[in-house]
Amino acid sequence: MPKYVVLYTAPVSAADQMGNNDPEMAGEVMKAWNDWSAKVGGGMVDLGLPLGNGRKVTSQGSSEAGTEVAGYSILSADSVDEAVKLVDGHPHLQMPGAAIEVYETLDLPGGM
């Protein structure tokens, strides 16, 4: 079954998001994520983690990443449309300006 990388984007970094939550709010956020994960069921490959301190690396060197990627998950689904359905109602979307991007992983040429 195809796998999909889910990228969570937000105008606020994951570190800032987590740092601004009191313990009660953090517990509510984690409960919402765990409830979503339970709803996804067998489609959940890896719940993922928050991301931070991103760097963009080029042949010229590195600099701060200019993206708003705040975290990732990996899902398994029959199609990209099914993967998108799995993130419908995701708690991340409750944050103002937040979005979710879904990408299908592709096999490497030569079966590697």
PDB file of N, CA and C in Angstrom:
ATOM      1  N   MET A   1       0.850  -1.174   0.000  1.00  0.00           N
ATOM      2  CA  MET A   1       0.000   0.000   0.000  1.00  0.00           C
ATOM      3  C   MET A   1       0.896   1.239   0.000  1.00  0.00           C
ATOM      4  N   PRO A   2       0.567   2.247  -0.783  1.00  0.00           N
ATOM      5  CA  PRO A   2       1.404   3.457  -0.827  1.00  0.00           C
ATOM      6  C   PRO A   2       1.477   4.157   0.527  1.00  0.00           C
ATOM      7  N   LYS A   3       2.599   4.828   0.733  1.00  0.00           N
ATOM      8  CA  LYS A   3       2.793   5.625   1.946  1.00  0.00           C
ATOM      9  C   LYS A   3       2.788   7.097   1.575  1.00  0.00           C
ATOM     10  N   TYR A   4       2.378   7.912   2.529  1.00  0.00           N
ATOM     11  CA  TYR A   4       2.258   9.346   2.316  1.00  0.00           C
ATOM     12  C   TYR A   4       2.922  10.095   3.464  1.00  0.00           C
ATOM     13  N   VAL A   5       3.739  11.075   3.103  1.00  0.00           N
ATOM     14  CA  VAL A   5       4.334  11.959   4.096  1.00  0.00           C
ATOM     15  C   VAL A   5       3.374  13.130   4.266  1.00  0.00           C
ATOM     16  N   VAL A   6       3.003  13.379   5.497  1.00  0.00           N
ATOM     17  CA  VAL A   6       2.110  14.477   5.840  1.00  0.00           C
ATOM     18  C   VAL A   6       2.964  15.550   6.501  1.00  0.00           C
ATOM     19  N   LEU A   7       2.968  16.753   5.923  1.00  0.00           N
ATOM     20  CA  LEU A   7       3.720  17.867   6.494  1.00  0.00           C
ATOM     21  C   LEU A   7       2.744  18.866   7.093  1.00  0.00           C
ATOM     22  N   TYR A   8       3.002  19.223   8.334  1.00  0.00           N
ATOM     23  CA  TYR A   8       2.182  20.202   9.028  1.00  0.00           C
ATOM     24  C   TYR A   8       2.876  21.550   8.919  1.00  0.00           C
ATOM     25  N   THR A   9       2.192  22.542   8.352  1.00  0.00           N
ATOM     26  CA  THR A   9       2.777  23.869   8.231  1.00  0.00           C
ATOM     27  C   THR A   9       1.992  24.841   9.101  1.00  0.00           C
ATOM     28  N   ALA A  10       2.697  25.861   9.577  1.00  0.00           N
ATOM     29  CA  ALA A  10       2.075  26.862  10.443  1.00  0.00           C
ATOM     30  C   ALA A  10       2.925  28.122  10.443  1.00  0.00           C
ATOM     31  N   PRO A  11       2.296  29.271  10.659  1.00  0.00           N
ATOM     32  CA  PRO A  11       3.059  30.515  10.718  1.00  0.00           C
ATOM     33  C   PRO A  11       3.858  30.666  12.010  1.00  0.00           C
ATOM     34  N   VAL A  12       3.621  29.777  12.971  1.00  0.00           N
ATOM     35  CA  VAL A  12       4.331  29.793  14.252  1.00  0.00           C
ATOM     36  C   VAL A  12       5.129  28.500  14.358  1.00  0.00           C
ATOM     37  N   SER A  13       6.388  28.583  14.768  1.00  0.00           N
ATOM     38  CA  SER A  13       7.220  27.381  14.867  1.00  0.00           C
ATOM     39  C   SER A  13       6.650  26.406  15.890  1.00  0.00           C
ATOM     40  N   ALA A  14       6.974  25.138  15.710  1.00  0.00           N
ATOM     41  CA  ALA A  14       6.519  24.114  16.653  1.00  0.00           C
ATOM     42  C   ALA A  14       7.039  24.408  18.052  1.00  0.00           C
ATOM     43  N   ALA A  15       8.288  24.856  18.159  1.00  0.00           N
ATOM     44  CA  ALA A  15       8.862  25.168  19.475  1.00  0.00           C
ATOM     45  C   ALA A  15       8.077  26.284  20.150  1.00  0.00           C
ATOM     46  N   ASP A  16       7.722  27.321  19.394  1.00  0.00           N
ATOM     47  CA  ASP A  16       6.936  28.416  19.966  1.00  0.00           C
ATOM     48  C   ASP A  16       5.538  27.946  20.340  1.00  0.00           C
ATOM     49  N   GLN A  17       4.938  27.114  19.495  1.00  0.00           N
ATOM     50  CA  GLN A  17       3.610  26.585  19.797  1.00  0.00           C
ATOM     51  C   GLN A  17       3.624  25.832  21.118  1.00  0.00           C
ATOM     52  N   MET A  18       4.594  24.939  21.275  1.00  0.00           N
ATOM     53  CA  MET A  18       4.665  24.112  22.480  1.00  0.00           C
ATOM     54  C   MET A  18       5.049  24.942  23.696  1.00  0.00           C
ATOM     55  N   GLY A  19       5.907  25.931  23.502  1.00  0.00           N
ATOM     56  CA  GLY A  19       6.351  26.763  24.615  1.00  0.00           C
ATOM     57  C   GLY A  19       5.271  27.667  25.158  1.00  0.00           C
ATOM     58  N   ASN A  20       4.263  27.967  24.327  1.00  0.00           N
ATOM     59  CA  ASN A  20       3.190  28.862  24.748  1.00  0.00           C
ATOM     60  C   ASN A  20       2.012  28.128  25.375  1.00  0.00           C
ATOM     61  N   ASN A  21       2.054  26.815  25.431  1.00  0.00           N
ATOM     62  CA  ASN A  21       0.967  26.030  26.016  1.00  0.00           C
ATOM     63  C   ASN A  21       1.222  25.769  27.490  1.00  0.00           C
ATOM     64  N   ASP A  22       0.189  26.016  28.314  1.00  0.00           N
ATOM     65  CA  ASP A  22       0.300  25.592  29.708  1.00  0.00           C
ATOM     66  C   ASP A  22       0.086  24.080  29.745  1.00  0.00           C
ATOM     67  N   PRO A  23       0.447  23.430  30.852  1.00  0.00           N
ATOM     68  CA  PRO A  23       0.355  21.959  30.907  1.00  0.00           C
ATOM     69  C   PRO A  23      -1.044  21.415  30.593  1.00  0.00           C
ATOM     70  N   GLU A  24      -2.082  22.116  31.038  1.00  0.00           N
ATOM     71  CA  GLU A  24      -3.445  21.647  30.763  1.00  0.00           C
ATOM     72  C   GLU A  24      -3.742  21.711  29.261  1.00  0.00           C
ATOM     73  N   MET A  25      -3.357  22.815  28.629  1.00  0.00           N
ATOM     74  CA  MET A  25      -3.574  22.965  27.192  1.00  0.00           C
ATOM     75  C   MET A  25      -2.750  21.941  26.419  1.00  0.00           C
ATOM     76  N   ALA A  26      -1.514  21.707  26.843  1.00  0.00           N
ATOM     77  CA  ALA A  26      -0.660  20.715  26.186  1.00  0.00           C
ATOM     78  C   ALA A  26      -1.314  19.335  26.250  1.00  0.00           C
ATOM     79  N   GLY A  27      -1.912  19.008  27.386  1.00  0.00           N
ATOM     80  CA  GLY A  27      -2.607  17.732  27.527  1.00  0.00           C
ATOM     81  C   GLY A  27      -3.797  17.622  26.589  1.00  0.00           C
ATOM     82  N   GLU A  28      -4.537  18.721  26.431  1.00  0.00           N
ATOM     83  CA  GLU A  28      -5.682  18.731  25.521  1.00  0.00           C
ATOM     84  C   GLU A  28      -5.227  18.556  24.071  1.00  0.00           C
ATOM     85  N   VAL A  29      -4.135  19.219  23.722  1.00  0.00           N
ATOM     86  CA  VAL A  29      -3.602  19.104  22.361  1.00  0.00           C
ATOM     87  C   VAL A  29      -3.174  17.666  22.088  1.00  0.00           C
ATOM     88  N   MET A  30      -2.456  17.064  23.025  1.00  0.00           N
ATOM     89  CA  MET A  30      -2.009  15.675  22.832  1.00  0.00           C
ATOM     90  C   MET A  30      -3.190  14.714  22.760  1.00  0.00           C
ATOM     91  N   LYS A  31      -4.228  14.969  23.550  1.00  0.00           N
ATOM     92  CA  LYS A  31      -5.415  14.113  23.486  1.00  0.00           C
ATOM     93  C   LYS A  31      -6.055  14.205  22.099  1.00  0.00           C
ATOM     94  N   ALA A  32      -6.146  15.411  21.558  1.00  0.00           N
ATOM     95  CA  ALA A  32      -6.733  15.582  20.224  1.00  0.00           C
ATOM     96  C   ALA A  32      -5.917  14.835  19.171  1.00  0.00           C
ATOM     97  N   TRP A  33      -4.578  14.923  19.267  1.00  0.00           N
ATOM     98  CA  TRP A  33      -3.720  14.201  18.322  1.00  0.00           C
ATOM     99  C   TRP A  33      -3.879  12.689  18.489  1.00  0.00           C
ATOM    100  N   ASN A  34      -3.927  12.214  19.727  1.00  0.00           N
ATOM    101  CA  ASN A  34      -4.093  10.775  19.966  1.00  0.00           C
ATOM    102  C   ASN A  34      -5.454  10.286  19.479  1.00  0.00           C
ATOM    103  N   ASP A  35      -6.496  11.115  19.658  1.00  0.00           N
ATOM    104  CA  ASP A  35      -7.821  10.750  19.149  1.00  0.00           C
ATOM    105  C   ASP A  35      -7.796  10.651  17.627  1.00  0.00           C
ATOM    106  N   TRP A  36      -7.127  11.614  16.981  1.00  0.00           N
ATOM    107  CA  TRP A  36      -7.012  11.567  15.518  1.00  0.00           C
ATOM    108  C   TRP A  36      -6.258  10.312  15.092  1.00  0.00           C
ATOM    109  N   SER A  37      -5.162  10.002  15.762  1.00  0.00           N
ATOM    110  CA  SER A  37      -4.365   8.820  15.431  1.00  0.00           C
ATOM    111  C   SER A  37      -5.203   7.551  15.559  1.00  0.00           C
ATOM    112  N   ALA A  38      -6.021   7.477  16.603  1.00  0.00           N
ATOM    113  CA  ALA A  38      -6.885   6.311  16.792  1.00  0.00           C
ATOM    114  C   ALA A  38      -7.900   6.207  15.654  1.00  0.00           C
ATOM    115  N   LYS A  39      -8.410   7.353  15.195  1.00  0.00           N
ATOM    116  CA  LYS A  39      -9.364   7.369  14.079  1.00  0.00           C
ATOM    117  C   LYS A  39      -8.711   6.853  12.796  1.00  0.00           C
ATOM    118  N   VAL A  40      -7.447   7.208  12.581  1.00  0.00           N
ATOM    119  CA  VAL A  40      -6.712   6.765  11.394  1.00  0.00           C
ATOM    120  C   VAL A  40      -6.466   5.259  11.457  1.00  0.00           C
ATOM    121  N   GLY A  41      -6.276   4.732  12.660  1.00  0.00           N
ATOM    122  CA  GLY A  41      -6.109   3.296  12.853  1.00  0.00           C
ATOM    123  C   GLY A  41      -4.914   2.724  12.116  1.00  0.00           C
ATOM    124  N   GLY A  42      -5.145   1.676  11.323  1.00  0.00           N
ATOM    125  CA  GLY A  42      -4.072   0.982  10.617  1.00  0.00           C
ATOM    126  C   GLY A  42      -3.392   1.808   9.542  1.00  0.00           C
ATOM    127  N   GLY A  43      -3.972   2.963   9.200  1.00  0.00           N
ATOM    128  CA  GLY A  43      -3.342   3.845   8.229  1.00  0.00           C
ATOM    129  C   GLY A  43      -2.176   4.632   8.804  1.00  0.00           C
ATOM    130  N   MET A  44      -2.021   4.579  10.136  1.00  0.00           N
ATOM    131  CA  MET A  44      -0.928   5.308  10.780  1.00  0.00           C
ATOM    132  C   MET A  44       0.343   4.467  10.712  1.00  0.00           C
ATOM    133  N   VAL A  45       1.342   4.969  10.018  1.00  0.00           N
ATOM    134  CA  VAL A  45       2.642   4.307   9.948  1.00  0.00           C
ATOM    135  C   VAL A  45       3.562   4.877  11.015  1.00  0.00           C
ATOM    136  N   ASP A  46       3.577   6.209  11.127  1.00  0.00           N
ATOM    137  CA  ASP A  46       4.446   6.902  12.086  1.00  0.00           C
ATOM    138  C   ASP A  46       3.755   8.208  12.446  1.00  0.00           C
ATOM    139  N   LEU A  47       3.380   8.378  13.718  1.00  0.00           N
ATOM    140  CA  LEU A  47       2.719   9.610  14.147  1.00  0.00           C
ATOM    141  C   LEU A  47       3.611  10.818  13.895  1.00  0.00           C
ATOM    142  N   GLY A  48       4.923  10.596  13.900  1.00  0.00           N
ATOM    143  CA  GLY A  48       5.857  11.670  13.598  1.00  0.00           C
ATOM    144  C   GLY A  48       6.252  12.470  14.819  1.00  0.00           C
ATOM    145  N   LEU A  49       6.836  13.620  14.548  1.00  0.00           N
ATOM    146  CA  LEU A  49       7.346  14.499  15.598  1.00  0.00           C
ATOM    147  C   LEU A  49       7.263  15.944  15.138  1.00  0.00           C
ATOM    148  N   PRO A  50       7.291  16.881  16.093  1.00  0.00           N
ATOM    149  CA  PRO A  50       7.448  18.281  15.710  1.00  0.00           C
ATOM    150  C   PRO A  50       8.848  18.484  15.131  1.00  0.00           C
ATOM    151  N   LEU A  51       8.988  19.495  14.282  1.00  0.00           N
ATOM    152  CA  LEU A  51      10.278  19.821  13.679  1.00  0.00           C
ATOM    153  C   LEU A  51      10.668  21.247  14.051  1.00  0.00           C
ATOM    154  N   GLY A  52      11.968  21.484  14.142  1.00  0.00           N
ATOM    155  CA  GLY A  52      12.447  22.829  14.445  1.00  0.00           C
ATOM    156  C   GLY A  52      13.879  23.018  14.003  1.00  0.00           C
ATOM    157  N   ASN A  53      14.329  24.253  14.081  1.00  0.00           N
ATOM    158  CA  ASN A  53      15.714  24.613  13.750  1.00  0.00           C
ATOM    159  C   ASN A  53      16.120  24.124  12.373  1.00  0.00           C
ATOM    160  N   GLY A  54      15.231  24.294  11.389  1.00  0.00           N
ATOM    161  CA  GLY A  54      15.504  23.830  10.033  1.00  0.00           C
ATOM    162  C   GLY A  54      16.590  24.639   9.343  1.00  0.00           C
ATOM    163  N   ARG A  55      17.376  23.955   8.556  1.00  0.00           N
ATOM    164  CA  ARG A  55      18.440  24.584   7.767  1.00  0.00           C
ATOM    165  C   ARG A  55      18.257  24.209   6.305  1.00  0.00           C
ATOM    166  N   LYS A  56      18.458  25.167   5.431  1.00  0.00           N
ATOM    167  CA  LYS A  56      18.453  24.942   3.990  1.00  0.00           C
ATOM    168  C   LYS A  56      19.902  24.810   3.559  1.00  0.00           C
ATOM    169  N   VAL A  57      20.245  23.695   2.920  1.00  0.00           N
ATOM    170  CA  VAL A  57      21.621  23.423   2.511  1.00  0.00           C
ATOM    171  C   VAL A  57      21.687  23.453   0.987  1.00  0.00           C
ATOM    172  N   THR A  58      22.601  24.255   0.451  1.00  0.00           N
ATOM    173  CA  THR A  58      22.844  24.326  -0.990  1.00  0.00           C
ATOM    174  C   THR A  58      24.334  24.130  -1.236  1.00  0.00           C
ATOM    175  N   SER A  59      24.729  24.129  -2.491  1.00  0.00           N
ATOM    176  CA  SER A  59      26.159  24.012  -2.802  1.00  0.00           C
ATOM    177  C   SER A  59      26.934  25.240  -2.326  1.00  0.00           C
ATOM    178  N   GLN A  60      26.218  26.298  -1.985  1.00  0.00           N
ATOM    179  CA  GLN A  60      26.855  27.531  -1.514  1.00  0.00           C
ATOM    180  C   GLN A  60      26.980  27.594   0.009  1.00  0.00           C
ATOM    181  N   GLY A  61      26.380  26.636   0.701  1.00  0.00           N
ATOM    182  CA  GLY A  61      26.415  26.643   2.167  1.00  0.00           C
ATOM    183  C   GLY A  61      25.032  26.406   2.733  1.00  0.00           C
ATOM    184  N   SER A  62      24.805  26.868   3.950  1.00  0.00           N
ATOM    185  CA  SER A  62      23.508  26.657   4.583  1.00  0.00           C
ATOM    186  C   SER A  62      23.003  27.964   5.185  1.00  0.00           C
ATOM    187  N   SER A  63      21.682  28.007   5.341  1.00  0.00           N
ATOM    188  CA  SER A  63      21.027  29.158   5.944  1.00  0.00           C
ATOM    189  C   SER A  63      19.769  28.666   6.640  1.00  0.00           C
ATOM    190  N   GLU A  64      19.145  29.543   7.381  1.00  0.00           N
ATOM    191  CA  GLU A  64      17.907  29.176   8.057  1.00  0.00           C
ATOM    192  C   GLU A  64      16.859  28.799   7.009  1.00  0.00           C
ATOM    193  N   ALA A  65      16.152  27.715   7.255  1.00  0.00           N
ATOM    194  CA  ALA A  65      15.092  27.297   6.331  1.00  0.00           C
ATOM    195  C   ALA A  65      13.970  28.328   6.378  1.00  0.00           C
ATOM    196  N   GLY A  66      13.486  28.704   5.234  1.00  0.00           N
ATOM    197  CA  GLY A  66      12.438  29.711   5.173  1.00  0.00           C
ATOM    198  C   GLY A  66      11.045  29.128   5.121  1.00  0.00           C
ATOM    199  N   THR A  67      10.909  27.861   5.414  1.00  0.00           N
ATOM    200  CA  THR A  67       9.599  27.224   5.339  1.00  0.00           C
ATOM    201  C   THR A  67       8.904  27.284   6.685  1.00  0.00           C
ATOM    202  N   GLU A  68       7.638  26.944   6.653  1.00  0.00           N
ATOM    203  CA  GLU A  68       6.833  26.929   7.864  1.00  0.00           C
ATOM    204  C   GLU A  68       6.517  25.500   8.299  1.00  0.00           C
ATOM    205  N   VAL A  69       7.362  24.542   7.933  1.00  0.00           N
ATOM    206  CA  VAL A  69       7.110  23.148   8.293  1.00  0.00           C
ATOM    207  C   VAL A  69       7.295  22.995   9.800  1.00  0.00           C
ATOM    208  N   ALA A  70       6.244  22.495  10.457  1.00  0.00           N
ATOM    209  CA  ALA A  70       6.262  22.376  11.912  1.00  0.00           C
ATOM    210  C   ALA A  70       6.312  20.930  12.385  1.00  0.00           C
ATOM    211  N   GLY A  71       6.049  19.971  11.494  1.00  0.00           N
ATOM    212  CA  GLY A  71       6.059  18.576  11.901  1.00  0.00           C
ATOM    213  C   GLY A  71       5.677  17.671  10.744  1.00  0.00           C
ATOM    214  N   TYR A  72       5.662  16.375  11.019  1.00  0.00           N
ATOM    215  CA  TYR A  72       5.346  15.393   9.977  1.00  0.00           C
ATOM    216  C   TYR A  72       4.677  14.172  10.588  1.00  0.00           C
ATOM    217  N   SER A  73       3.986  13.430   9.753  1.00  0.00           N
ATOM    218  CA  SER A  73       3.492  12.085  10.049  1.00  0.00           C
ATOM    219  C   SER A  73       3.662  11.272   8.775  1.00  0.00           C
ATOM    220  N   ILE A  74       3.567   9.961   8.890  1.00  0.00           N
ATOM    221  CA  ILE A  74       3.579   9.086   7.720  1.00  0.00           C
ATOM    222  C   ILE A  74       2.341   8.195   7.797  1.00  0.00           C
ATOM    223  N   LEU A  75       1.572   8.208   6.712  1.00  0.00           N
ATOM    224  CA  LEU A  75       0.342   7.428   6.635  1.00  0.00           C
ATOM    225  C   LEU A  75       0.434   6.409   5.511  1.00  0.00           C
ATOM    226  N   SER A  76      -0.422   5.419   5.584  1.00  0.00           N
ATOM    227  CA  SER A  76      -0.570   4.423   4.529  1.00  0.00           C
ATOM    228  C   SER A  76      -2.022   4.488   4.060  1.00  0.00           C
ATOM    229  N   ALA A  77      -2.214   4.565   2.738  1.00  0.00           N
ATOM    230  CA  ALA A  77      -3.565   4.642   2.180  1.00  0.00           C
ATOM    231  C   ALA A  77      -3.536   4.119   0.750  1.00  0.00           C
ATOM    232  N   ASP A  78      -4.717   3.791   0.228  1.00  0.00           N
ATOM    233  CA  ASP A  78      -4.815   3.265  -1.134  1.00  0.00           C
ATOM    234  C   ASP A  78      -4.543   4.319  -2.200  1.00  0.00           C
ATOM    235  N   SER A  79      -4.789   5.597  -1.880  1.00  0.00           N
ATOM    236  CA  SER A  79      -4.607   6.672  -2.858  1.00  0.00           C
ATOM    237  C   SER A  79      -4.360   7.980  -2.120  1.00  0.00           C
ATOM    238  N   VAL A  80      -3.909   8.986  -2.854  1.00  0.00           N
ATOM    239  CA  VAL A  80      -3.703  10.291  -2.231  1.00  0.00           C
ATOM    240  C   VAL A  80      -5.038  10.850  -1.740  1.00  0.00           C
ATOM    241  N   ASP A  81      -6.123  10.582  -2.467  1.00  0.00           N
ATOM    242  CA  ASP A  81      -7.432  11.049  -2.016  1.00  0.00           C
ATOM    243  C   ASP A  81      -7.816  10.414  -0.684  1.00  0.00           C
ATOM    244  N   GLU A  82      -7.507   9.128  -0.519  1.00  0.00           N
ATOM    245  CA  GLU A  82      -7.775   8.457   0.755  1.00  0.00           C
ATOM    246  C   GLU A  82      -6.890   9.026   1.863  1.00  0.00           C
ATOM    247  N   ALA A  83      -5.638   9.332   1.543  1.00  0.00           N
ATOM    248  CA  ALA A  83      -4.741   9.930   2.535  1.00  0.00           C
ATOM    249  C   ALA A  83      -5.259  11.295   2.971  1.00  0.00           C
ATOM    250  N   VAL A  84      -5.756  12.072   2.019  1.00  0.00           N
ATOM    251  CA  VAL A  84      -6.324  13.385   2.348  1.00  0.00           C
ATOM    252  C   VAL A  84      -7.540  13.215   3.260  1.00  0.00           C
ATOM    253  N   LYS A  85      -8.361  12.210   2.999  1.00  0.00           N
ATOM    254  CA  LYS A  85      -9.518  11.949   3.869  1.00  0.00           C
ATOM    255  C   LYS A  85      -9.070  11.627   5.294  1.00  0.00           C
ATOM    256  N   LEU A  86      -7.934  10.953   5.430  1.00  0.00           N
ATOM    257  CA  LEU A  86      -7.447  10.603   6.767  1.00  0.00           C
ATOM    258  C   LEU A  86      -7.071  11.833   7.585  1.00  0.00           C
ATOM    259  N   VAL A  87      -6.665  12.923   6.930  1.00  0.00           N
ATOM    260  CA  VAL A  87      -6.297  14.132   7.683  1.00  0.00           C
ATOM    261  C   VAL A  87      -7.463  15.108   7.810  1.00  0.00           C
ATOM    262  N   ASP A  88      -8.618  14.753   7.257  1.00  0.00           N
ATOM    263  CA  ASP A  88      -9.801  15.594   7.408  1.00  0.00           C
ATOM    264  C   ASP A  88     -10.135  15.737   8.891  1.00  0.00           C
ATOM    265  N   GLY A  89     -10.306  16.958   9.349  1.00  0.00           N
ATOM    266  CA  GLY A  89     -10.614  17.195  10.753  1.00  0.00           C
ATOM    267  C   GLY A  89      -9.428  17.092  11.685  1.00  0.00           C
ATOM    268  N   HIS A  90      -8.220  17.065  11.142  1.00  0.00           N
ATOM    269  CA  HIS A  90      -7.009  16.958  11.969  1.00  0.00           C
ATOM    270  C   HIS A  90      -6.922  18.143  12.932  1.00  0.00           C
ATOM    271  N   PRO A  91      -6.527  17.912  14.192  1.00  0.00           N
ATOM    272  CA  PRO A  91      -6.455  19.009  15.166  1.00  0.00           C
ATOM    273  C   PRO A  91      -5.483  20.123  14.780  1.00  0.00           C
ATOM    274  N   HIS A  92      -4.483  19.833  13.969  1.00  0.00           N
ATOM    275  CA  HIS A  92      -3.538  20.872  13.546  1.00  0.00           C
ATOM    276  C   HIS A  92      -4.263  21.999  12.809  1.00  0.00           C
ATOM    277  N   LEU A  93      -5.342  21.663  12.121  1.00  0.00           N
ATOM    278  CA  LEU A  93      -6.065  22.650  11.325  1.00  0.00           C
ATOM    279  C   LEU A  93      -6.847  23.649  12.173  1.00  0.00           C
ATOM    280  N   GLN A  94      -6.902  23.440  13.482  1.00  0.00           N
ATOM    281  CA  GLN A  94      -7.577  24.387  14.373  1.00  0.00           C
ATOM    282  C   GLN A  94      -6.743  25.645  14.604  1.00  0.00           C
ATOM    283  N   MET A  95      -5.451  25.577  14.326  1.00  0.00           N
ATOM    284  CA  MET A  95      -4.559  26.712  14.536  1.00  0.00           C
ATOM    285  C   MET A  95      -4.719  27.707  13.381  1.00  0.00           C
ATOM    286  N   PRO A  96      -4.875  28.995  13.667  1.00  0.00           N
ATOM    287  CA  PRO A  96      -4.990  29.980  12.586  1.00  0.00           C
ATOM    288  C   PRO A  96      -3.773  29.933  11.652  1.00  0.00           C
ATOM    289  N   GLY A  97      -4.034  29.887  10.359  1.00  0.00           N
ATOM    290  CA  GLY A  97      -2.971  29.891   9.365  1.00  0.00           C
ATOM    291  C   GLY A  97      -2.315  28.547   9.119  1.00  0.00           C
ATOM    292  N   ALA A  98      -2.751  27.522   9.833  1.00  0.00           N
ATOM    293  CA  ALA A  98      -2.144  26.193   9.687  1.00  0.00           C
ATOM    294  C   ALA A  98      -2.678  25.493   8.440  1.00  0.00           C
ATOM    295  N   ALA A  99      -1.859  24.607   7.893  1.00  0.00           N
ATOM    296  CA  ALA A  99      -2.255  23.801   6.735  1.00  0.00           C
ATOM    297  C   ALA A  99      -1.557  22.450   6.822  1.00  0.00           C
ATOM    298  N   ILE A 100      -2.039  21.523   6.029  1.00  0.00           N
ATOM    299  CA  ILE A 100      -1.444  20.192   5.947  1.00  0.00           C
ATOM    300  C   ILE A 100      -1.178  19.889   4.481  1.00  0.00           C
ATOM    301  N   GLU A 101       0.035  19.409   4.195  1.00  0.00           N
ATOM    302  CA  GLU A 101       0.399  18.983   2.848  1.00  0.00           C
ATOM    303  C   GLU A 101       0.597  17.471   2.869  1.00  0.00           C
ATOM    304  N   VAL A 102       0.104  16.796   1.838  1.00  0.00           N
ATOM    305  CA  VAL A 102       0.189  15.336   1.745  1.00  0.00           C
ATOM    306  C   VAL A 102       0.956  14.980   0.474  1.00  0.00           C
ATOM    307  N   TYR A 103       2.024  14.188   0.630  1.00  0.00           N
ATOM    308  CA  TYR A 103       2.866  13.780  -0.497  1.00  0.00           C
ATOM    309  C   TYR A 103       2.989  12.264  -0.536  1.00  0.00           C
ATOM    310  N   GLU A 104       2.777  11.683  -1.713  1.00  0.00           N
ATOM    311  CA  GLU A 104       2.983  10.245  -1.878  1.00  0.00           C
ATOM    312  C   GLU A 104       4.476   9.959  -1.981  1.00  0.00           C
ATOM    313  N   THR A 105       4.922   8.928  -1.290  1.00  0.00           N
ATOM    314  CA  THR A 105       6.306   8.489  -1.459  1.00  0.00           C
ATOM    315  C   THR A 105       6.372   7.657  -2.734  1.00  0.00           C
ATOM    316  N   LEU A 106       7.443   7.814  -3.477  1.00  0.00           N
ATOM    317  CA  LEU A 106       7.607   7.113  -4.750  1.00  0.00           C
ATOM    318  C   LEU A 106       8.747   6.117  -4.649  1.00  0.00           C
ATOM    319  N   ASP A 107       8.619   5.017  -5.352  1.00  0.00           N
ATOM    320  CA  ASP A 107       9.693   4.028  -5.378  1.00  0.00           C
ATOM    321  C   ASP A 107      10.885   4.586  -6.139  1.00  0.00           C
ATOM    322  N   LEU A 108      12.068   4.248  -5.678  1.00  0.00           N
ATOM    323  CA  LEU A 108      13.279   4.639  -6.387  1.00  0.00           C
ATOM    324  C   LEU A 108      13.425   3.811  -7.653  1.00  0.00           C
ATOM    325  N   PRO A 109      13.978   4.397  -8.708  1.00  0.00           N
ATOM    326  CA  PRO A 109      14.232   3.608  -9.919  1.00  0.00           C
ATOM    327  C   PRO A 109      15.157   2.437  -9.599  1.00  0.00           C
ATOM    328  N   GLY A 110      14.916   1.316 -10.207  1.00  0.00           N
ATOM    329  CA  GLY A 110      15.755   0.150  -9.971  1.00  0.00           C
ATOM    330  C   GLY A 110      15.371  -0.622  -8.726  1.00  0.00           C
ATOM    331  N   GLY A 111      14.261  -0.248  -8.079  1.00  0.00           N
ATOM    332  CA  GLY A 111      13.776  -0.982  -6.924  1.00  0.00           C
ATOM    333  C   GLY A 111      14.606  -0.847  -5.673  1.00  0.00           C
ATOM    334  N   MET A 112      15.390   0.190  -5.554  1.00  0.00           N
ATOM    335  CA  MET A 112      16.222   0.374  -4.360  1.00  0.00           C
ATOM    336  C   MET A 112      15.383   0.796  -3.190  1.00  0.00           C
TER     337      MET A 112
END
